[in-house]
């Protein structure tokens, strides 16, 4: 589906020769002399690389239709993550490489929105924060209460992050899925 550069919006996905790209930002420029143009910053959906491109005003680009489906993570099968479509109950094995950083925060029973371009998974939308159980960290020592001090901790998904000194193994914590950082106790 062709879309004009005048109709670009942030978050729109385009199918370009460079690959599948999402519009991060765009700016319509009308210089005093010469024709108008659109300056864009695009992020490659597959590689994460950010590129800047300039297009003439009203130039046609191919818009990629991204299908978003609600799925539930069931279990790991070797290197694959098995998801179930919440509407059709169909099971879908997904390679870990398609999930990128999302695999650090997925535990059995969690819901996620998978983004499909045709039959290829190009992205995963997770909730802003997830609750995970700390499996391994050094125990807090009485009197060790330096303000802002942190220690490494491993959560049930294998993700390692920095937590405050008072967090102990077995505790549930909230983790920000965008940055991978500790938020609060759950």
C-alpha atoms as a PDB file:
ATOM      1  CA  UNK A   1       0.000   0.000   0.000  1.00  0.00           C
ATOM      2  CA  UNK A   2       1.559   3.299  -1.125  1.00  0.00           C
ATOM      3  CA  UNK A   3       1.541   6.263   1.247  1.00  0.00           C
ATOM      4  CA  UNK A   4       2.626   9.833   0.542  1.00  0.00           C
ATOM      5  CA  UNK A   5       5.541  11.332   2.491  1.00  0.00           C
ATOM      6  CA  UNK A   6       3.108  14.131   3.446  1.00  0.00           C
ATOM      7  CA  UNK A   7       1.039  11.538   5.373  1.00  0.00           C
ATOM      8  CA  UNK A   8       3.893  10.054   7.457  1.00  0.00           C
ATOM      9  CA  UNK A   9       3.265   9.586  11.183  1.00  0.00           C
ATOM     10  CA  UNK A  10       5.518   8.494  14.056  1.00  0.00           C
ATOM     11  CA  UNK A  11       5.359   4.727  14.539  1.00  0.00           C
ATOM     12  CA  UNK A  12       4.257   4.045  10.947  1.00  0.00           C
ATOM     13  CA  UNK A  13       6.073   1.068   9.388  1.00  0.00           C
ATOM     14  CA  UNK A  14       7.440   1.310   5.842  1.00  0.00           C
ATOM     15  CA  UNK A  15       8.681  -1.412   3.490  1.00  0.00           C
ATOM     16  CA  UNK A  16      11.804   0.222   2.002  1.00  0.00           C
ATOM     17  CA  UNK A  17      14.750  -1.160  -0.016  1.00  0.00           C
ATOM     18  CA  UNK A  18      16.830  -0.847   3.190  1.00  0.00           C
ATOM     19  CA  UNK A  19      14.378  -3.219   4.904  1.00  0.00           C
ATOM     20  CA  UNK A  20      11.338  -2.898   7.149  1.00  0.00           C
ATOM     21  CA  UNK A  21      11.609   0.500   8.899  1.00  0.00           C
ATOM     22  CA  UNK A  22       9.563   2.304  11.539  1.00  0.00           C
ATOM     23  CA  UNK A  23       9.272   6.112  11.453  1.00  0.00           C
ATOM     24  CA  UNK A  24      10.920   7.503  14.606  1.00  0.00           C
ATOM     25  CA  UNK A  25      10.487  11.159  13.640  1.00  0.00           C
ATOM     26  CA  UNK A  26       9.842  13.234  10.549  1.00  0.00           C
ATOM     27  CA  UNK A  27       9.989  16.910   9.653  1.00  0.00           C
ATOM     28  CA  UNK A  28       8.307  18.630   6.709  1.00  0.00           C
ATOM     29  CA  UNK A  29      10.631  21.385   5.408  1.00  0.00           C
ATOM     30  CA  UNK A  30       9.651  24.175   3.000  1.00  0.00           C
ATOM     31  CA  UNK A  31      12.748  26.195   2.117  1.00  0.00           C
ATOM     32  CA  UNK A  32      12.421  29.709   0.698  1.00  0.00           C
ATOM     33  CA  UNK A  33      13.800  28.564  -2.630  1.00  0.00           C
ATOM     34  CA  UNK A  34      13.230  25.142  -4.185  1.00  0.00           C
ATOM     35  CA  UNK A  35      10.726  22.380  -3.500  1.00  0.00           C
ATOM     36  CA  UNK A  36       9.513  21.128  -0.151  1.00  0.00           C
ATOM     37  CA  UNK A  37      10.977  17.931   1.294  1.00  0.00           C
ATOM     38  CA  UNK A  38      10.510  15.585   4.243  1.00  0.00           C
ATOM     39  CA  UNK A  39      13.474  14.749   6.513  1.00  0.00           C
ATOM     40  CA  UNK A  40      12.963  11.441   8.348  1.00  0.00           C
ATOM     41  CA  UNK A  41      14.668   9.342  11.017  1.00  0.00           C
ATOM     42  CA  UNK A  42      13.874   5.645  10.483  1.00  0.00           C
ATOM     43  CA  UNK A  43      14.640   2.606  12.641  1.00  0.00           C
ATOM     44  CA  UNK A  44      15.167  -0.768  10.972  1.00  0.00           C
ATOM     45  CA  UNK A  45      12.720  -3.142  12.700  1.00  0.00           C
ATOM     46  CA  UNK A  46      14.899  -6.231  12.220  1.00  0.00           C
ATOM     47  CA  UNK A  47      18.371  -4.861  13.063  1.00  0.00           C
ATOM     48  CA  UNK A  48      17.547  -1.799  15.204  1.00  0.00           C
ATOM     49  CA  UNK A  49      19.822   0.431  13.097  1.00  0.00           C
ATOM     50  CA  UNK A  50      18.709   4.077  12.825  1.00  0.00           C
ATOM     51  CA  UNK A  51      19.008   5.742   9.422  1.00  0.00           C
ATOM     52  CA  UNK A  52      18.176   9.240   8.235  1.00  0.00           C
ATOM     53  CA  UNK A  53      16.586   9.748   4.818  1.00  0.00           C
ATOM     54  CA  UNK A  54      15.278  12.792   2.949  1.00  0.00           C
ATOM     55  CA  UNK A  55      12.365  12.458   0.519  1.00  0.00           C
ATOM     56  CA  UNK A  56      10.691  14.888  -1.849  1.00  0.00           C
ATOM     57  CA  UNK A  57       7.292  16.149  -0.730  1.00  0.00           C
ATOM     58  CA  UNK A  58       4.464  13.926  -1.954  1.00  0.00           C
ATOM     59  CA  UNK A  59       6.849  11.068  -2.867  1.00  0.00           C
ATOM     60  CA  UNK A  60       5.180   7.651  -2.580  1.00  0.00           C
ATOM     61  CA  UNK A  61       6.553   4.997  -0.193  1.00  0.00           C
ATOM     62  CA  UNK A  62       5.310   1.469   0.503  1.00  0.00           C
ATOM     63  CA  UNK A  63       3.566   1.135   3.874  1.00  0.00           C
ATOM     64  CA  UNK A  64       3.985  -2.229   5.597  1.00  0.00           C
ATOM     65  CA  UNK A  65       0.880  -3.650   7.228  1.00  0.00           C
ATOM     66  CA  UNK A  66       1.805  -4.998  10.671  1.00  0.00           C
ATOM     67  CA  UNK A  67      -0.665  -7.471  12.183  1.00  0.00           C
ATOM     68  CA  UNK A  68      -0.679  -7.466  16.008  1.00  0.00           C
ATOM     69  CA  UNK A  69      -1.938 -10.604  17.764  1.00  0.00           C
ATOM     70  CA  UNK A  70      -2.402 -11.228  21.478  1.00  0.00           C
ATOM     71  CA  UNK A  71      -0.498 -14.358  22.485  1.00  0.00           C
ATOM     72  CA  UNK A  72       0.256 -16.186  25.729  1.00  0.00           C
ATOM     73  CA  UNK A  73       3.701 -17.656  26.394  1.00  0.00           C
ATOM     74  CA  UNK A  74       3.263 -21.327  27.330  1.00  0.00           C
ATOM     75  CA  UNK A  75       6.719 -22.924  27.636  1.00  0.00           C
ATOM     76  CA  UNK A  76      10.222 -23.237  26.164  1.00  0.00           C
ATOM     77  CA  UNK A  77      10.945 -26.068  23.747  1.00  0.00           C
ATOM     78  CA  UNK A  78      14.711 -26.176  23.240  1.00  0.00           C
ATOM     79  CA  UNK A  79      15.651 -22.795  21.755  1.00  0.00           C
ATOM     80  CA  UNK A  80      12.041 -22.021  20.748  1.00  0.00           C
ATOM     81  CA  UNK A  81       9.408 -20.205  22.773  1.00  0.00           C
ATOM     82  CA  UNK A  82       5.923 -21.695  22.320  1.00  0.00           C
ATOM     83  CA  UNK A  83       3.083 -19.152  22.233  1.00  0.00           C
ATOM     84  CA  UNK A  84      -0.677 -19.731  22.078  1.00  0.00           C
ATOM     85  CA  UNK A  85      -3.008 -17.421  20.156  1.00  0.00           C
ATOM     86  CA  UNK A  86      -5.584 -16.236  22.742  1.00  0.00           C
ATOM     87  CA  UNK A  87      -8.392 -16.244  20.147  1.00  0.00           C
ATOM     88  CA  UNK A  88      -7.840 -19.410  18.074  1.00  0.00           C
ATOM     89  CA  UNK A  89      -5.829 -21.373  20.719  1.00  0.00           C
ATOM     90  CA  UNK A  90      -3.330 -22.264  17.970  1.00  0.00           C
ATOM     91  CA  UNK A  91       0.212 -22.913  19.226  1.00  0.00           C
ATOM     92  CA  UNK A  92       3.154 -21.212  17.518  1.00  0.00           C
ATOM     93  CA  UNK A  93       6.859 -21.990  18.113  1.00  0.00           C
ATOM     94  CA  UNK A  94       8.942 -18.800  17.939  1.00  0.00           C
ATOM     95  CA  UNK A  95      12.756 -18.799  17.725  1.00  0.00           C
ATOM     96  CA  UNK A  96      14.530 -16.810  20.453  1.00  0.00           C
ATOM     97  CA  UNK A  97      16.181 -14.597  17.803  1.00  0.00           C
ATOM     98  CA  UNK A  98      12.742 -13.241  16.769  1.00  0.00           C
ATOM     99  CA  UNK A  99      12.018 -12.085  20.332  1.00  0.00           C
ATOM    100  CA  UNK A 100      15.254 -10.100  20.835  1.00  0.00           C
ATOM    101  CA  UNK A 101      15.315  -8.552  24.350  1.00  0.00           C
ATOM    102  CA  UNK A 102      11.735  -9.613  25.195  1.00  0.00           C
ATOM    103  CA  UNK A 103      12.929 -13.128  26.082  1.00  0.00           C
ATOM    104  CA  UNK A 104      14.655 -11.706  29.201  1.00  0.00           C
ATOM    105  CA  UNK A 105      11.257 -10.864  30.743  1.00  0.00           C
ATOM    106  CA  UNK A 106       8.950 -13.706  29.596  1.00  0.00           C
ATOM    107  CA  UNK A 107       7.861 -16.372  32.063  1.00  0.00           C
ATOM    108  CA  UNK A 108       5.286 -19.107  31.569  1.00  0.00           C
ATOM    109  CA  UNK A 109       1.723 -17.787  31.437  1.00  0.00           C
ATOM    110  CA  UNK A 110       2.665 -14.203  30.497  1.00  0.00           C
ATOM    111  CA  UNK A 111       0.737 -12.329  27.805  1.00  0.00           C
ATOM    112  CA  UNK A 112       2.471 -10.513  24.950  1.00  0.00           C
ATOM    113  CA  UNK A 113       1.458  -8.919  21.655  1.00  0.00           C
ATOM    114  CA  UNK A 114       3.419 -10.335  18.715  1.00  0.00           C
ATOM    115  CA  UNK A 115       3.810  -8.151  15.613  1.00  0.00           C
ATOM    116  CA  UNK A 116       3.640 -10.026  12.298  1.00  0.00           C
ATOM    117  CA  UNK A 117       4.673  -8.853   8.823  1.00  0.00           C
ATOM    118  CA  UNK A 118       3.214 -11.601   6.678  1.00  0.00           C
ATOM    119  CA  UNK A 119       4.252 -14.738   8.560  1.00  0.00           C
ATOM    120  CA  UNK A 120       7.456 -13.211  10.009  1.00  0.00           C
ATOM    121  CA  UNK A 121       7.570 -11.956  13.612  1.00  0.00           C
ATOM    122  CA  UNK A 122       9.124  -8.479  13.593  1.00  0.00           C
ATOM    123  CA  UNK A 123       8.488  -7.340  17.153  1.00  0.00           C
ATOM    124  CA  UNK A 124       7.044  -8.065  20.586  1.00  0.00           C
ATOM    125  CA  UNK A 125       5.046  -5.690  22.788  1.00  0.00           C
ATOM    126  CA  UNK A 126       5.304  -6.430  26.505  1.00  0.00           C
ATOM    127  CA  UNK A 127       3.655  -4.677  29.449  1.00  0.00           C
ATOM    128  CA  UNK A 128       5.683  -1.702  30.750  1.00  0.00           C
ATOM    129  CA  UNK A 129       6.631  -3.658  33.894  1.00  0.00           C
ATOM    130  CA  UNK A 130       6.627  -7.335  34.896  1.00  0.00           C
ATOM    131  CA  UNK A 131       6.846  -9.069  38.283  1.00  0.00           C
ATOM    132  CA  UNK A 132       9.723 -11.526  38.574  1.00  0.00           C
ATOM    133  CA  UNK A 133      11.145 -13.579  41.459  1.00  0.00           C
ATOM    134  CA  UNK A 134      14.771 -13.062  42.491  1.00  0.00           C
ATOM    135  CA  UNK A 135      16.511 -16.451  42.317  1.00  0.00           C
ATOM    136  CA  UNK A 136      20.057 -15.473  43.215  1.00  0.00           C
ATOM    137  CA  UNK A 137      21.684 -12.500  44.950  1.00  0.00           C
ATOM    138  CA  UNK A 138      23.916 -11.831  47.906  1.00  0.00           C
ATOM    139  CA  UNK A 139      21.868 -11.629  51.114  1.00  0.00           C
ATOM    140  CA  UNK A 140      21.413  -8.201  52.701  1.00  0.00           C
ATOM    141  CA  UNK A 141      23.608  -7.619  55.755  1.00  0.00           C
ATOM    142  CA  UNK A 142      22.294  -5.745  58.826  1.00  0.00           C
ATOM    143  CA  UNK A 143      23.749  -2.234  58.892  1.00  0.00           C
ATOM    144  CA  UNK A 144      24.593  -2.340  55.165  1.00  0.00           C
ATOM    145  CA  UNK A 145      22.224   0.482  54.231  1.00  0.00           C
ATOM    146  CA  UNK A 146      24.259   2.899  52.150  1.00  0.00           C
ATOM    147  CA  UNK A 147      21.808   5.138  50.296  1.00  0.00           C
ATOM    148  CA  UNK A 148      21.534   4.170  46.627  1.00  0.00           C
ATOM    149  CA  UNK A 149      23.920   1.213  46.845  1.00  0.00           C
ATOM    150  CA  UNK A 150      23.175  -1.660  44.451  1.00  0.00           C
ATOM    151  CA  UNK A 151      24.098  -5.315  44.017  1.00  0.00           C
ATOM    152  CA  UNK A 152      23.632  -7.758  41.093  1.00  0.00           C
ATOM    153  CA  UNK A 153      20.653 -10.127  41.166  1.00  0.00           C
ATOM    154  CA  UNK A 154      19.450 -12.896  38.854  1.00  0.00           C
ATOM    155  CA  UNK A 155      15.686 -13.272  38.283  1.00  0.00           C
ATOM    156  CA  UNK A 156      13.742 -16.407  37.311  1.00  0.00           C
ATOM    157  CA  UNK A 157      14.112 -15.725  33.556  1.00  0.00           C
ATOM    158  CA  UNK A 158      17.923 -15.564  33.814  1.00  0.00           C
ATOM    159  CA  UNK A 159      18.102 -11.766  33.428  1.00  0.00           C
ATOM    160  CA  UNK A 160      20.757 -10.097  35.618  1.00  0.00           C
ATOM    161  CA  UNK A 161      20.066  -6.603  36.952  1.00  0.00           C
ATOM    162  CA  UNK A 162      21.134  -4.243  39.730  1.00  0.00           C
ATOM    163  CA  UNK A 163      18.852  -4.153  42.802  1.00  0.00           C
ATOM    164  CA  UNK A 164      18.999  -2.301  46.168  1.00  0.00           C
ATOM    165  CA  UNK A 165      20.865  -3.984  49.022  1.00  0.00           C
ATOM    166  CA  UNK A 166      17.662  -4.892  50.930  1.00  0.00           C
ATOM    167  CA  UNK A 167      16.362  -7.264  48.196  1.00  0.00           C
ATOM    168  CA  UNK A 168      16.833 -10.947  49.109  1.00  0.00           C
ATOM    169  CA  UNK A 169      16.501 -14.226  47.166  1.00  0.00           C
ATOM    170  CA  UNK A 170      12.878 -15.394  46.826  1.00  0.00           C
ATOM    171  CA  UNK A 171      11.418 -11.864  46.804  1.00  0.00           C
ATOM    172  CA  UNK A 172       9.215 -10.633  43.950  1.00  0.00           C
ATOM    173  CA  UNK A 173      10.275  -7.405  42.262  1.00  0.00           C
ATOM    174  CA  UNK A 174       8.921  -5.237  39.447  1.00  0.00           C
ATOM    175  CA  UNK A 175      11.219  -4.830  36.438  1.00  0.00           C
ATOM    176  CA  UNK A 176      10.860  -2.215  33.680  1.00  0.00           C
ATOM    177  CA  UNK A 177      10.710  -4.108  30.346  1.00  0.00           C
ATOM    178  CA  UNK A 178      11.921  -1.100  28.332  1.00  0.00           C
ATOM    179  CA  UNK A 179      15.181  -0.588  30.248  1.00  0.00           C
ATOM    180  CA  UNK A 180      15.587  -3.869  32.163  1.00  0.00           C
ATOM    181  CA  UNK A 181      16.011  -2.012  35.458  1.00  0.00           C
ATOM    182  CA  UNK A 182      14.607  -2.613  38.958  1.00  0.00           C
ATOM    183  CA  UNK A 183      11.515  -0.527  39.784  1.00  0.00           C
ATOM    184  CA  UNK A 184      10.192  -1.630  43.179  1.00  0.00           C
ATOM    185  CA  UNK A 185       9.249  -4.596  45.337  1.00  0.00           C
ATOM    186  CA  UNK A 186       6.084  -6.339  44.193  1.00  0.00           C
END
